[in-house]
Amino acid sequence: FEQTANFRRAEGLSVTEAGLAGLETPPNVIIAANDDMALGALEAVTAWGLAEEIDILGFDALPEALESVANGGLSGTVEQFPGGQISAAMRVAALEASGCEYMAEQVILLNPIVITADNLMEAERIGEVEGLGE
């Protein structure tokens, strides 16, 4: 099933509960467009006793999601390197402010990666997770 949860944890929980109730067989995986919805889905899946059967993937690599990955809750989250995005945007702004023209053809790519328990330390914000980033 596909349904919006408006990027909110509580709605991720309720949408997942409704989806599980309406399915004859639970899905193998739930993919959420952000970590808050993924964490809400995890709450629902856990309450249904299906946490071991359903992989849940979020997006944003928020510290709480990274902690959940470390603890075996979420299967993964997509790291989109917000610090790299900000740094690239500031470089372009500085170039334009100094009179240099930035060409739209000059694409700056920051390749997102899936963060799992296997590569958790590659997450940009891992230092914000108590006990993991030190």
C-alpha atoms as a PDB file:
ATOM      1  CA  PHE A   1       0.000   0.000   0.000  1.00  0.00           C
ATOM      2  CA  GLU A   2       1.045   3.581  -0.483  1.00  0.00           C
ATOM      3  CA  GLN A   3      -0.290   6.394   1.641  1.00  0.00           C
ATOM      4  CA  THR A   4       1.012   9.705   2.903  1.00  0.00           C
ATOM      5  CA  ALA A   5       1.731  10.290   6.562  1.00  0.00           C
ATOM      6  CA  ASN A   6       2.534  13.973   6.026  1.00  0.00           C
ATOM      7  CA  PHE A   7       6.093  13.563   7.320  1.00  0.00           C
ATOM      8  CA  ARG A   8       4.798  13.124  10.890  1.00  0.00           C
ATOM      9  CA  ARG A   9       5.614  10.310  13.285  1.00  0.00           C
ATOM     10  CA  ALA A  10       2.093  10.011  14.698  1.00  0.00           C
ATOM     11  CA  GLU A  11       0.668   9.725  11.195  1.00  0.00           C
ATOM     12  CA  GLY A  12       3.361   7.203  10.261  1.00  0.00           C
ATOM     13  CA  LEU A  13       2.141   5.143  13.200  1.00  0.00           C
ATOM     14  CA  SER A  14      -1.560   5.419  12.332  1.00  0.00           C
ATOM     15  CA  VAL A  15      -1.071   4.866   8.587  1.00  0.00           C
ATOM     16  CA  THR A  16       1.007   1.761   9.291  1.00  0.00           C
ATOM     17  CA  GLU A  17      -1.549   0.415  11.765  1.00  0.00           C
ATOM     18  CA  ALA A  18      -4.335   0.917   9.225  1.00  0.00           C
ATOM     19  CA  GLY A  19      -2.233  -0.629   6.471  1.00  0.00           C
ATOM     20  CA  LEU A  20      -1.368  -3.687   8.532  1.00  0.00           C
ATOM     21  CA  ALA A  21      -5.008  -4.128   9.515  1.00  0.00           C
ATOM     22  CA  GLY A  22      -6.058  -4.039   5.871  1.00  0.00           C
ATOM     23  CA  LEU A  23      -3.477  -6.463   4.533  1.00  0.00           C
ATOM     24  CA  GLU A  24      -3.872 -10.211   4.475  1.00  0.00           C
ATOM     25  CA  THR A  25      -0.101 -10.652   4.607  1.00  0.00           C
ATOM     26  CA  PRO A  26       2.254  -8.070   6.122  1.00  0.00           C
ATOM     27  CA  PRO A  27       4.777  -6.449   3.782  1.00  0.00           C
ATOM     28  CA  ASN A  28       8.448  -7.416   3.793  1.00  0.00           C
ATOM     29  CA  VAL A  29       9.543  -3.799   3.902  1.00  0.00           C
ATOM     30  CA  ILE A  30       8.196  -0.335   4.667  1.00  0.00           C
ATOM     31  CA  ILE A  31       9.939   2.622   3.052  1.00  0.00           C
ATOM     32  CA  ALA A  32       9.204   6.036   4.514  1.00  0.00           C
ATOM     33  CA  ALA A  33      10.067   9.399   2.957  1.00  0.00           C
ATOM     34  CA  ASN A  34      11.567  10.605   6.243  1.00  0.00           C
ATOM     35  CA  ASP A  35      12.821   9.212   9.522  1.00  0.00           C
ATOM     36  CA  ASP A  36       9.910  10.488  11.613  1.00  0.00           C
ATOM     37  CA  MET A  37       7.400   8.489   9.572  1.00  0.00           C
ATOM     38  CA  ALA A  38       9.738   5.472   9.662  1.00  0.00           C
ATOM     39  CA  LEU A  39       9.962   5.678  13.456  1.00  0.00           C
ATOM     40  CA  GLY A  40       6.158   5.889  13.643  1.00  0.00           C
ATOM     41  CA  ALA A  41       5.908   2.839  11.391  1.00  0.00           C
ATOM     42  CA  LEU A  42       8.375   1.048  13.661  1.00  0.00           C
ATOM     43  CA  GLU A  43       6.121   1.745  16.659  1.00  0.00           C
ATOM     44  CA  ALA A  44       3.165   0.209  14.825  1.00  0.00           C
ATOM     45  CA  VAL A  45       5.112  -2.794  13.561  1.00  0.00           C
ATOM     46  CA  THR A  46       6.494  -3.433  17.049  1.00  0.00           C
ATOM     47  CA  ALA A  47       3.018  -3.200  18.594  1.00  0.00           C
ATOM     48  CA  TRP A  48       1.796  -5.758  16.054  1.00  0.00           C
ATOM     49  CA  GLY A  49       4.660  -8.100  16.954  1.00  0.00           C
ATOM     50  CA  LEU A  50       6.121  -7.884  13.452  1.00  0.00           C
ATOM     51  CA  ALA A  51       9.370  -6.037  14.135  1.00  0.00           C
ATOM     52  CA  GLU A  52      11.468  -9.090  13.247  1.00  0.00           C
ATOM     53  CA  GLU A  53       9.566  -9.675   9.997  1.00  0.00           C
ATOM     54  CA  ILE A  54       9.372  -6.211   8.427  1.00  0.00           C
ATOM     55  CA  ASP A  55      12.376  -4.110   7.431  1.00  0.00           C
ATOM     56  CA  ILE A  56      11.797  -0.368   7.785  1.00  0.00           C
ATOM     57  CA  LEU A  57      13.857   2.217   5.936  1.00  0.00           C
ATOM     58  CA  GLY A  58      13.726   5.956   6.632  1.00  0.00           C
ATOM     59  CA  PHE A  59      15.300   8.977   5.003  1.00  0.00           C
ATOM     60  CA  ASP A  60      17.346  11.801   6.589  1.00  0.00           C
ATOM     61  CA  ALA A  61      19.738   9.939   8.916  1.00  0.00           C
ATOM     62  CA  LEU A  62      18.504  11.880  11.935  1.00  0.00           C
ATOM     63  CA  PRO A  63      20.280  11.066  15.206  1.00  0.00           C
ATOM     64  CA  GLU A  64      17.209   9.283  16.617  1.00  0.00           C
ATOM     65  CA  ALA A  65      16.997   7.139  13.485  1.00  0.00           C
ATOM     66  CA  LEU A  66      20.715   6.346  13.674  1.00  0.00           C
ATOM     67  CA  GLU A  67      20.228   5.253  17.275  1.00  0.00           C
ATOM     68  CA  SER A  68      17.328   3.052  16.171  1.00  0.00           C
ATOM     69  CA  VAL A  69      19.498   1.482  13.457  1.00  0.00           C
ATOM     70  CA  ALA A  70      22.214   0.836  16.047  1.00  0.00           C
ATOM     71  CA  ASN A  71      19.679  -0.792  18.375  1.00  0.00           C
ATOM     72  CA  GLY A  72      18.154  -3.011  15.675  1.00  0.00           C
ATOM     73  CA  GLY A  73      14.924  -1.034  15.233  1.00  0.00           C
ATOM     74  CA  LEU A  74      15.094   0.585  11.808  1.00  0.00           C
ATOM     75  CA  SER A  75      16.857  -1.427   9.119  1.00  0.00           C
ATOM     76  CA  GLY A  76      18.360   1.712   7.669  1.00  0.00           C
ATOM     77  CA  THR A  77      18.062   5.361   6.790  1.00  0.00           C
ATOM     78  CA  VAL A  78      19.249   7.347   3.796  1.00  0.00           C
ATOM     79  CA  GLU A  79      22.071   9.803   4.492  1.00  0.00           C
ATOM     80  CA  GLN A  80      21.798  12.842   2.261  1.00  0.00           C
ATOM     81  CA  PHE A  81      24.699  14.788   3.798  1.00  0.00           C
ATOM     82  CA  PRO A  82      22.969  18.050   4.804  1.00  0.00           C
ATOM     83  CA  GLY A  83      26.297  19.540   5.891  1.00  0.00           C
ATOM     84  CA  GLY A  84      27.671  18.905   2.421  1.00  0.00           C
ATOM     85  CA  GLN A  85      24.578  20.477   0.871  1.00  0.00           C
ATOM     86  CA  ILE A  86      24.975  23.605   2.998  1.00  0.00           C
ATOM     87  CA  SER A  87      28.699  23.800   2.285  1.00  0.00           C
ATOM     88  CA  ALA A  88      28.143  23.504  -1.475  1.00  0.00           C
ATOM     89  CA  ALA A  89      25.390  26.141  -1.391  1.00  0.00           C
ATOM     90  CA  MET A  90      27.622  28.523   0.566  1.00  0.00           C
ATOM     91  CA  ARG A  91      30.484  28.042  -1.919  1.00  0.00           C
ATOM     92  CA  VAL A  92      28.163  28.891  -4.809  1.00  0.00           C
ATOM     93  CA  ALA A  93      26.763  31.918  -2.923  1.00  0.00           C
ATOM     94  CA  ALA A  94      30.302  33.150  -2.177  1.00  0.00           C
ATOM     95  CA  LEU A  95      31.290  32.768  -5.838  1.00  0.00           C
ATOM     96  CA  GLU A  96      28.256  34.717  -6.988  1.00  0.00           C
ATOM     97  CA  ALA A  97      28.763  37.399  -4.313  1.00  0.00           C
ATOM     98  CA  SER A  98      32.341  37.896  -5.506  1.00  0.00           C
ATOM     99  CA  GLY A  99      31.163  38.462  -9.061  1.00  0.00           C
ATOM    100  CA  CYS A 100      31.873  35.016 -10.451  1.00  0.00           C
ATOM    101  CA  GLU A 101      29.071  33.507 -12.433  1.00  0.00           C
ATOM    102  CA  TYR A 102      27.980  30.069 -11.419  1.00  0.00           C
ATOM    103  CA  MET A 103      26.754  28.055 -14.368  1.00  0.00           C
ATOM    104  CA  ALA A 104      23.771  25.790 -13.855  1.00  0.00           C
ATOM    105  CA  GLU A 105      25.667  23.197 -15.872  1.00  0.00           C
ATOM    106  CA  GLN A 106      28.223  22.984 -13.050  1.00  0.00           C
ATOM    107  CA  VAL A 107      26.400  20.332 -11.090  1.00  0.00           C
ATOM    108  CA  ILE A 108      27.521  19.509  -7.579  1.00  0.00           C
ATOM    109  CA  LEU A 109      26.570  15.950  -6.741  1.00  0.00           C
ATOM    110  CA  LEU A 110      26.333  14.635  -3.218  1.00  0.00           C
ATOM    111  CA  ASN A 111      25.457  10.983  -3.526  1.00  0.00           C
ATOM    112  CA  PRO A 112      23.137   9.784  -0.786  1.00  0.00           C
ATOM    113  CA  ILE A 113      23.941   6.445   0.814  1.00  0.00           C
ATOM    114  CA  VAL A 114      21.895   3.964   2.778  1.00  0.00           C
ATOM    115  CA  ILE A 115      23.078   3.783   6.376  1.00  0.00           C
ATOM    116  CA  THR A 116      22.685   0.381   8.019  1.00  0.00           C
ATOM    117  CA  ALA A 117      24.230  -1.188  11.098  1.00  0.00           C
ATOM    118  CA  ASP A 118      27.167  -2.188   8.873  1.00  0.00           C
ATOM    119  CA  ASN A 119      28.190   1.369   7.941  1.00  0.00           C
ATOM    120  CA  LEU A 120      26.645   3.397  10.761  1.00  0.00           C
ATOM    121  CA  MET A 121      29.834   5.358  11.417  1.00  0.00           C
ATOM    122  CA  GLU A 122      29.632   6.898   7.909  1.00  0.00           C
ATOM    123  CA  ALA A 123      26.578   8.938   8.931  1.00  0.00           C
ATOM    124  CA  GLU A 124      27.290  12.656   9.012  1.00  0.00           C
ATOM    125  CA  ARG A 125      25.465  13.177  12.326  1.00  0.00           C
ATOM    126  CA  ILE A 126      26.711  10.061  14.154  1.00  0.00           C
ATOM    127  CA  GLY A 127      28.502  12.330  16.633  1.00  0.00           C
ATOM    128  CA  GLU A 128      25.098  13.460  17.909  1.00  0.00           C
ATOM    129  CA  VAL A 129      24.147   9.940  19.000  1.00  0.00           C
ATOM    130  CA  GLU A 130      25.159   9.403  22.601  1.00  0.00           C
ATOM    131  CA  GLY A 131      27.617   6.567  22.985  1.00  0.00           C
ATOM    132  CA  LEU A 132      28.174   6.031  19.255  1.00  0.00           C
ATOM    133  CA  GLY A 133      30.004   9.021  17.862  1.00  0.00           C
ATOM    134  CA  GLU A 134      32.824   9.329  20.347  1.00  0.00           C
END
